[in-house]
C-alpha cells in the first residue's frame, strides 16, 4: 500500500465513522491537523499512532491493509455472529450472502 492508498484508507474509514479529521485528531490526542496531514499524503503516522488509529476504528492492522474490506467492523461483527452457528446454519448465511452480492 503506497502513501496515497494509505491516506485514502484512513479517510474512508474516518468518513464511515462519521467524524472529521480534526475530531479524530483530537480524540487521539494529536495535533488538530495530524489526520488531515495523513489524508493529504504529507506524512505517515508513527507505528504507535498507526496502532492508535486501528484501535480508534476498532480494527486490526491486517484489516486496515485489506482494501477489499469496506467495513471491517461490520465484517468482524458478522464473523463473530456466525462462528457459533452449526454448519447447516452457516451454509444458509453463506447462501444468503452470495445471493445479496448478485
N, C-alpha and C. Protein backbone atom coordinates (compact mmCIF):
# COMPACT_ATOMS: atom_id res chain seq x y z
N UNK A 1 0.86 -1.17 0.00
CA UNK A 1 0.00 0.00 0.00
C UNK A 1 0.90 1.23 0.00
N UNK A 2 0.71 2.08 -1.00
CA UNK A 2 1.53 3.29 -1.06
C UNK A 2 0.89 4.40 -0.21
N UNK A 3 1.56 5.54 -0.16
CA UNK A 3 1.11 6.64 0.71
C UNK A 3 -0.30 7.11 0.33
N UNK A 4 -0.59 7.17 -0.97
CA UNK A 4 -1.90 7.64 -1.41
C UNK A 4 -3.00 6.65 -0.98
N UNK A 5 -2.74 5.36 -1.15
CA UNK A 5 -3.71 4.35 -0.75
C UNK A 5 -3.92 4.36 0.77
N UNK A 6 -2.81 4.54 1.49
CA UNK A 6 -2.89 4.62 2.95
C UNK A 6 -3.77 5.80 3.36
N UNK A 7 -3.54 6.93 2.73
CA UNK A 7 -4.30 8.14 3.03
C UNK A 7 -5.78 7.94 2.72
N UNK A 8 -6.07 7.32 1.58
CA UNK A 8 -7.45 7.08 1.19
C UNK A 8 -8.14 6.11 2.16
N UNK A 9 -7.39 5.14 2.65
CA UNK A 9 -7.96 4.17 3.59
C UNK A 9 -8.34 4.86 4.91
N UNK A 10 -7.45 5.70 5.41
CA UNK A 10 -7.74 6.43 6.64
C UNK A 10 -8.99 7.30 6.42
N UNK A 11 -9.02 8.03 5.32
CA UNK A 11 -10.15 8.91 5.04
C UNK A 11 -11.45 8.13 4.92
N UNK A 12 -11.41 7.02 4.21
CA UNK A 12 -12.61 6.20 4.02
C UNK A 12 -13.15 5.69 5.35
N UNK A 13 -12.28 5.16 6.18
CA UNK A 13 -12.70 4.64 7.48
C UNK A 13 -13.22 5.78 8.38
N UNK A 14 -12.57 6.92 8.30
CA UNK A 14 -12.99 8.06 9.12
C UNK A 14 -14.37 8.55 8.70
N UNK A 15 -14.59 8.64 7.40
CA UNK A 15 -15.88 9.10 6.89
C UNK A 15 -16.99 8.12 7.28
N UNK A 16 -16.70 6.82 7.18
CA UNK A 16 -17.68 5.81 7.60
C UNK A 16 -18.03 5.97 9.08
N UNK A 17 -17.05 6.37 9.87
CA UNK A 17 -17.29 6.57 11.31
C UNK A 17 -18.05 7.86 11.57
N UNK A 18 -18.06 8.76 10.58
CA UNK A 18 -18.83 9.99 10.70
C UNK A 18 -18.17 11.08 11.51
N UNK A 19 -16.84 11.14 11.47
CA UNK A 19 -16.12 12.17 12.21
C UNK A 19 -15.22 12.96 11.26
N UNK A 20 -14.91 14.17 11.66
CA UNK A 20 -13.99 14.99 10.87
C UNK A 20 -12.55 14.58 11.19
N UNK A 21 -11.63 14.97 10.34
CA UNK A 21 -10.22 14.70 10.58
C UNK A 21 -9.77 15.40 11.86
N UNK A 22 -10.28 16.59 12.09
CA UNK A 22 -9.92 17.34 13.30
C UNK A 22 -10.43 16.64 14.55
N UNK A 23 -11.69 16.18 14.51
CA UNK A 23 -12.25 15.46 15.66
C UNK A 23 -11.45 14.19 15.96
N UNK A 24 -11.08 13.48 14.90
CA UNK A 24 -10.31 12.26 15.09
C UNK A 24 -8.96 12.57 15.70
N UNK A 25 -8.30 13.60 15.19
CA UNK A 25 -7.00 14.01 15.74
C UNK A 25 -7.12 14.34 17.22
N UNK A 26 -8.14 15.09 17.57
CA UNK A 26 -8.33 15.49 18.96
C UNK A 26 -8.63 14.29 19.86
N UNK A 27 -9.46 13.37 19.38
CA UNK A 27 -9.78 12.18 20.16
C UNK A 27 -8.52 11.36 20.43
N UNK A 28 -7.64 11.29 19.44
CA UNK A 28 -6.40 10.53 19.59
C UNK A 28 -5.32 11.33 20.32
N UNK A 29 -5.69 12.56 20.74
CA UNK A 29 -4.77 13.46 21.45
C UNK A 29 -3.54 13.81 20.61
N UNK A 30 -3.81 14.12 19.35
CA UNK A 30 -2.78 14.54 18.40
C UNK A 30 -3.04 16.00 18.05
N UNK A 31 -2.11 16.62 17.34
CA UNK A 31 -2.35 17.99 16.91
C UNK A 31 -3.57 18.03 15.98
N UNK A 32 -4.27 19.15 15.96
CA UNK A 32 -5.53 19.26 15.21
C UNK A 32 -5.42 18.83 13.75
N UNK A 33 -4.29 19.08 13.11
CA UNK A 33 -4.13 18.78 11.69
C UNK A 33 -3.46 17.45 11.39
N UNK A 34 -3.20 16.63 12.40
CA UNK A 34 -2.42 15.41 12.21
C UNK A 34 -3.07 14.45 11.20
N UNK A 35 -4.33 14.12 11.40
CA UNK A 35 -5.01 13.19 10.50
C UNK A 35 -5.17 13.82 9.12
N UNK A 36 -5.43 15.11 9.08
CA UNK A 36 -5.52 15.81 7.80
C UNK A 36 -4.22 15.69 7.01
N UNK A 37 -3.08 15.79 7.71
CA UNK A 37 -1.78 15.64 7.04
C UNK A 37 -1.59 14.23 6.49
N UNK A 38 -2.09 13.23 7.20
CA UNK A 38 -2.01 11.86 6.69
C UNK A 38 -2.88 11.73 5.44
N UNK A 39 -4.09 12.24 5.51
CA UNK A 39 -5.03 12.13 4.39
C UNK A 39 -4.60 12.93 3.17
N UNK A 40 -3.77 13.96 3.38
CA UNK A 40 -3.24 14.75 2.26
C UNK A 40 -1.86 14.29 1.82
N UNK A 41 -1.48 13.09 2.26
CA UNK A 41 -0.21 12.46 1.87
C UNK A 41 1.03 13.25 2.29
N UNK A 42 0.89 14.07 3.32
CA UNK A 42 2.03 14.83 3.81
C UNK A 42 2.98 13.92 4.58
N UNK A 43 2.39 13.00 5.38
CA UNK A 43 3.25 12.07 6.12
C UNK A 43 2.47 10.83 6.53
N UNK A 44 3.24 9.82 6.96
CA UNK A 44 2.69 8.61 7.56
C UNK A 44 2.69 8.79 9.08
N UNK A 45 1.81 8.07 9.77
CA UNK A 45 1.88 8.12 11.24
C UNK A 45 3.03 7.23 11.73
N UNK A 46 3.44 7.45 12.95
CA UNK A 46 4.40 6.54 13.57
C UNK A 46 3.69 5.21 13.79
N UNK A 47 4.42 4.17 14.10
CA UNK A 47 3.80 2.87 14.38
C UNK A 47 2.84 2.98 15.57
N UNK A 48 3.27 3.71 16.58
CA UNK A 48 2.43 3.89 17.77
C UNK A 48 1.09 4.52 17.39
N UNK A 49 1.14 5.57 16.58
CA UNK A 49 -0.08 6.25 16.16
C UNK A 49 -0.89 5.37 15.22
N UNK A 50 -0.22 4.61 14.38
CA UNK A 50 -0.94 3.68 13.49
C UNK A 50 -1.78 2.71 14.32
N UNK A 51 -1.20 2.16 15.38
CA UNK A 51 -1.96 1.25 16.24
C UNK A 51 -3.11 1.98 16.95
N UNK A 52 -2.89 3.23 17.31
CA UNK A 52 -3.98 4.03 17.90
C UNK A 52 -5.11 4.22 16.89
N UNK A 53 -4.74 4.45 15.65
CA UNK A 53 -5.72 4.62 14.58
C UNK A 53 -6.54 3.34 14.42
N UNK A 54 -5.86 2.20 14.39
CA UNK A 54 -6.57 0.92 14.28
C UNK A 54 -7.52 0.72 15.45
N UNK A 55 -7.04 1.02 16.66
CA UNK A 55 -7.91 0.92 17.84
C UNK A 55 -9.11 1.86 17.72
N UNK A 56 -8.86 3.05 17.22
CA UNK A 56 -9.91 4.05 17.05
C UNK A 56 -11.03 3.50 16.15
N UNK A 57 -10.62 2.82 15.08
CA UNK A 57 -11.60 2.25 14.14
C UNK A 57 -12.08 0.87 14.56
N UNK A 58 -11.52 0.36 15.66
CA UNK A 58 -11.87 -0.97 16.18
C UNK A 58 -11.60 -2.06 15.13
N UNK A 59 -10.42 -1.97 14.52
CA UNK A 59 -10.00 -2.96 13.53
C UNK A 59 -8.56 -3.38 13.83
N UNK A 60 -8.15 -4.47 13.22
CA UNK A 60 -6.76 -4.92 13.35
C UNK A 60 -5.93 -4.28 12.24
N UNK A 61 -4.61 -4.25 12.41
CA UNK A 61 -3.77 -3.76 11.31
C UNK A 61 -3.99 -4.54 10.02
N UNK A 62 -4.20 -5.85 10.13
CA UNK A 62 -4.46 -6.66 8.94
C UNK A 62 -5.71 -6.16 8.21
N UNK A 63 -6.75 -5.86 8.97
CA UNK A 63 -7.98 -5.35 8.37
C UNK A 63 -7.78 -3.98 7.74
N UNK A 64 -6.93 -3.18 8.35
CA UNK A 64 -6.64 -1.86 7.78
C UNK A 64 -6.07 -2.02 6.38
N UNK A 65 -5.16 -2.99 6.22
CA UNK A 65 -4.47 -3.15 4.94
C UNK A 65 -5.23 -4.02 3.94
N UNK A 66 -6.47 -4.37 4.24
CA UNK A 66 -7.29 -5.15 3.31
C UNK A 66 -8.24 -4.20 2.59
N UNK A 67 -7.85 -3.72 1.41
CA UNK A 67 -8.67 -2.73 0.71
C UNK A 67 -10.00 -3.28 0.21
N UNK A 68 -10.14 -4.61 0.15
CA UNK A 68 -11.41 -5.19 -0.30
C UNK A 68 -12.46 -5.22 0.80
N UNK A 69 -12.04 -4.95 2.01
CA UNK A 69 -12.97 -4.95 3.15
C UNK A 69 -13.40 -3.51 3.41
N UNK A 70 -14.57 -3.16 2.91
CA UNK A 70 -15.04 -1.78 3.01
C UNK A 70 -15.45 -1.38 4.42
N UNK A 71 -15.89 -2.35 5.19
CA UNK A 71 -16.36 -2.05 6.55
C UNK A 71 -15.87 -3.14 7.49
N UNK A 72 -14.59 -3.07 7.90
CA UNK A 72 -14.02 -4.13 8.73
C UNK A 72 -14.77 -4.38 10.03
N UNK A 73 -15.31 -3.35 10.63
CA UNK A 73 -16.03 -3.52 11.90
C UNK A 73 -17.26 -4.39 11.69
N UNK A 74 -18.02 -4.14 10.64
CA UNK A 74 -19.20 -4.95 10.34
C UNK A 74 -18.82 -6.37 9.96
N UNK A 75 -17.72 -6.50 9.23
CA UNK A 75 -17.25 -7.83 8.85
C UNK A 75 -16.91 -8.65 10.09
N UNK A 76 -16.24 -8.03 11.05
CA UNK A 76 -15.93 -8.72 12.30
C UNK A 76 -17.19 -9.09 13.05
N UNK A 77 -18.13 -8.18 13.08
CA UNK A 77 -19.39 -8.43 13.78
C UNK A 77 -20.12 -9.61 13.15
N UNK A 78 -20.15 -9.65 11.82
CA UNK A 78 -20.79 -10.76 11.11
C UNK A 78 -20.07 -12.07 11.40
N UNK A 79 -18.76 -12.05 11.31
CA UNK A 79 -17.97 -13.25 11.60
C UNK A 79 -18.25 -13.77 13.00
N UNK A 80 -18.23 -12.89 13.98
CA UNK A 80 -18.49 -13.29 15.36
C UNK A 80 -19.90 -13.83 15.55
N UNK A 81 -20.85 -13.31 14.79
CA UNK A 81 -22.24 -13.75 14.91
C UNK A 81 -22.43 -15.15 14.33
N UNK A 82 -21.68 -15.50 13.29
CA UNK A 82 -21.92 -16.80 12.64
C UNK A 82 -20.98 -17.91 13.10
N UNK A 83 -19.90 -17.58 13.78
CA UNK A 83 -18.93 -18.63 14.10
C UNK A 83 -19.47 -19.69 15.06
N UNK A 84 -20.48 -19.37 15.84
CA UNK A 84 -21.04 -20.35 16.76
C UNK A 84 -22.26 -21.09 16.20
N UNK A 85 -22.63 -20.75 14.97
CA UNK A 85 -23.76 -21.45 14.36
C UNK A 85 -23.33 -22.84 13.92
N UNK A 86 -24.31 -23.74 13.76
CA UNK A 86 -23.97 -25.07 13.28
C UNK A 86 -23.71 -25.00 11.77
N UNK A 87 -23.09 -26.03 11.19
CA UNK A 87 -22.74 -25.99 9.75
C UNK A 87 -23.92 -25.71 8.83
N UNK A 88 -25.08 -26.25 9.14
CA UNK A 88 -26.24 -26.00 8.28
C UNK A 88 -26.64 -24.53 8.32
N UNK A 89 -26.65 -23.94 9.51
CA UNK A 89 -26.98 -22.52 9.65
C UNK A 89 -25.95 -21.66 8.93
N UNK A 90 -24.68 -22.02 9.04
CA UNK A 90 -23.62 -21.28 8.33
C UNK A 90 -23.82 -21.35 6.83
N UNK A 91 -24.23 -22.52 6.33
CA UNK A 91 -24.50 -22.67 4.89
C UNK A 91 -25.61 -21.74 4.43
N UNK A 92 -26.62 -21.58 5.25
CA UNK A 92 -27.72 -20.67 4.91
C UNK A 92 -27.22 -19.22 4.85
N UNK A 93 -26.39 -18.85 5.79
CA UNK A 93 -25.84 -17.48 5.81
C UNK A 93 -24.96 -17.26 4.58
N UNK A 94 -24.15 -18.24 4.24
CA UNK A 94 -23.29 -18.14 3.05
C UNK A 94 -24.14 -17.98 1.80
N UNK A 95 -25.19 -18.79 1.67
CA UNK A 95 -26.08 -18.70 0.51
C UNK A 95 -26.74 -17.34 0.44
N UNK A 96 -27.18 -16.83 1.58
CA UNK A 96 -27.80 -15.51 1.62
C UNK A 96 -26.80 -14.42 1.19
N UNK A 97 -25.58 -14.50 1.71
CA UNK A 97 -24.55 -13.51 1.35
C UNK A 97 -24.26 -13.55 -0.15
N UNK A 98 -24.17 -14.75 -0.71
CA UNK A 98 -23.91 -14.86 -2.16
C UNK A 98 -25.08 -14.31 -2.97
N UNK A 99 -26.29 -14.55 -2.51
CA UNK A 99 -27.46 -14.02 -3.21
C UNK A 99 -27.50 -12.50 -3.15
N UNK A 100 -27.09 -11.93 -2.04
CA UNK A 100 -27.08 -10.47 -1.91
C UNK A 100 -26.05 -9.83 -2.82
N UNK A 101 -24.95 -10.54 -3.12
CA UNK A 101 -23.91 -9.98 -3.99
C UNK A 101 -24.35 -9.87 -5.44
N UNK A 102 -25.34 -10.66 -5.84
CA UNK A 102 -25.78 -10.69 -7.25
C UNK A 102 -26.51 -9.44 -7.62
